[in-house]
Amino acid sequence: MLYELRDMISRSGRVEEIYDGYKITIITDTEHFSWYKVIYFLLGSSFEVWMEKTEYGLLIMSKPTID
């Protein structure tokens, strides 16, 4: 899953595994970032997703949902 996210994000940002989820920092080219594709992929993989703006760029955080 990590490699699929890295392919989707390309050079627009970076992906890190944190705990059981992912931290995606969007640092460049926010206009061409595949927002729908990345968020839909995470939600479709049973992850919760939230976003925030930081001094380093936009941040997408995700963690697995608990059933």
C-alpha atoms as a PDB file:
ATOM      1  CA  MET A   1       0.000   0.000   0.000  1.00  0.00           C
ATOM      2  CA  LEU A   2       2.898   2.360   0.768  1.00  0.00           C
ATOM      3  CA  TYR A   3       4.315   1.956  -2.735  1.00  0.00           C
ATOM      4  CA  GLU A   4       0.907   2.568  -4.331  1.00  0.00           C
ATOM      5  CA  LEU A   5       0.561   5.823  -2.386  1.00  0.00           C
ATOM      6  CA  ARG A   6       4.074   6.898  -3.345  1.00  0.00           C
ATOM      7  CA  ASP A   7       3.258   6.271  -7.019  1.00  0.00           C
ATOM      8  CA  MET A   8       0.060   8.341  -6.765  1.00  0.00           C
ATOM      9  CA  ILE A   9       1.784  11.228  -5.003  1.00  0.00           C
ATOM     10  CA  SER A  10       4.948  11.207  -7.099  1.00  0.00           C
ATOM     11  CA  ARG A  11       6.968  14.393  -6.566  1.00  0.00           C
ATOM     12  CA  SER A  12       4.094  16.398  -5.070  1.00  0.00           C
ATOM     13  CA  GLY A  13       4.932  15.280  -1.557  1.00  0.00           C
ATOM     14  CA  ARG A  14       6.125  12.470   0.628  1.00  0.00           C
ATOM     15  CA  VAL A  15       4.537   9.522   2.400  1.00  0.00           C
ATOM     16  CA  GLU A  16       5.569   8.151   5.772  1.00  0.00           C
ATOM     17  CA  GLU A  17       4.236   5.167   7.670  1.00  0.00           C
ATOM     18  CA  ILE A  18       3.225   6.177  11.165  1.00  0.00           C
ATOM     19  CA  TYR A  19       1.850   3.718  13.656  1.00  0.00           C
ATOM     20  CA  ASP A  20      -0.616   1.712  11.534  1.00  0.00           C
ATOM     21  CA  GLY A  21      -1.427   4.553   9.140  1.00  0.00           C
ATOM     22  CA  TYR A  22       0.146   7.083   6.809  1.00  0.00           C
ATOM     23  CA  LYS A  23       1.254  10.692   6.927  1.00  0.00           C
ATOM     24  CA  ILE A  24       1.260  12.411   3.547  1.00  0.00           C
ATOM     25  CA  THR A  25       2.852  15.840   3.296  1.00  0.00           C
ATOM     26  CA  ILE A  26       1.988  17.741   0.125  1.00  0.00           C
ATOM     27  CA  ILE A  27       4.847  20.133  -0.443  1.00  0.00           C
ATOM     28  CA  THR A  28       4.645  21.111  -4.111  1.00  0.00           C
ATOM     29  CA  ASP A  29       2.218  21.259  -6.998  1.00  0.00           C
ATOM     30  CA  THR A  30      -1.031  21.181  -5.022  1.00  0.00           C
ATOM     31  CA  GLU A  31      -2.985  21.990  -8.196  1.00  0.00           C
ATOM     32  CA  HIS A  32      -1.915  18.733  -9.863  1.00  0.00           C
ATOM     33  CA  PHE A  33      -2.026  16.556  -6.747  1.00  0.00           C
ATOM     34  CA  SER A  34      -4.418  13.609  -7.190  1.00  0.00           C
ATOM     35  CA  TRP A  35      -6.660  14.520  -4.256  1.00  0.00           C
ATOM     36  CA  TYR A  36      -9.575  12.332  -5.246  1.00  0.00           C
ATOM     37  CA  LYS A  37      -7.415   9.345  -6.105  1.00  0.00           C
ATOM     38  CA  VAL A  38      -5.409   9.417  -2.842  1.00  0.00           C
ATOM     39  CA  ILE A  39      -8.329  10.082  -0.499  1.00  0.00           C
ATOM     40  CA  TYR A  40     -10.606   7.590  -2.257  1.00  0.00           C
ATOM     41  CA  PHE A  41      -7.831   4.970  -2.107  1.00  0.00           C
ATOM     42  CA  LEU A  42      -7.376   5.480   1.636  1.00  0.00           C
ATOM     43  CA  LEU A  43     -11.104   5.485   2.389  1.00  0.00           C
ATOM     44  CA  GLY A  44     -11.596   2.420   0.191  1.00  0.00           C
ATOM     45  CA  SER A  45      -8.867   0.655   2.169  1.00  0.00           C
ATOM     46  CA  SER A  46     -10.817   1.199   5.420  1.00  0.00           C
ATOM     47  CA  PHE A  47      -8.783   4.143   6.681  1.00  0.00           C
ATOM     48  CA  GLU A  48     -10.031   7.265   8.418  1.00  0.00           C
ATOM     49  CA  VAL A  49      -8.653  10.407   6.761  1.00  0.00           C
ATOM     50  CA  TRP A  50      -8.194  13.945   8.025  1.00  0.00           C
ATOM     51  CA  MET A  51      -6.253  16.975   6.829  1.00  0.00           C
ATOM     52  CA  GLU A  52      -4.543  20.017   8.267  1.00  0.00           C
ATOM     53  CA  LYS A  53      -2.428  22.909   7.086  1.00  0.00           C
ATOM     54  CA  THR A  54       1.066  23.167   8.578  1.00  0.00           C
ATOM     55  CA  GLU A  55       4.042  25.427   8.042  1.00  0.00           C
ATOM     56  CA  TYR A  56       5.539  22.703   5.824  1.00  0.00           C
ATOM     57  CA  GLY A  57       2.516  22.271   3.566  1.00  0.00           C
ATOM     58  CA  LEU A  58      -0.775  20.424   3.601  1.00  0.00           C
ATOM     59  CA  LEU A  59      -0.913  17.245   5.615  1.00  0.00           C
ATOM     60  CA  ILE A  60      -3.129  14.197   5.082  1.00  0.00           C
ATOM     61  CA  MET A  61      -3.193  11.786   8.004  1.00  0.00           C
ATOM     62  CA  SER A  62      -4.814   8.379   7.989  1.00  0.00           C
ATOM     63  CA  LYS A  63      -5.335   5.472  10.324  1.00  0.00           C
ATOM     64  CA  PRO A  64      -7.202   2.193  10.016  1.00  0.00           C
ATOM     65  CA  THR A  65     -10.838   2.281  11.059  1.00  0.00           C
ATOM     66  CA  ILE A  66     -11.844   0.241  14.065  1.00  0.00           C
ATOM     67  CA  ASP A  67     -14.866  -1.984  13.506  1.00  0.00           C
END
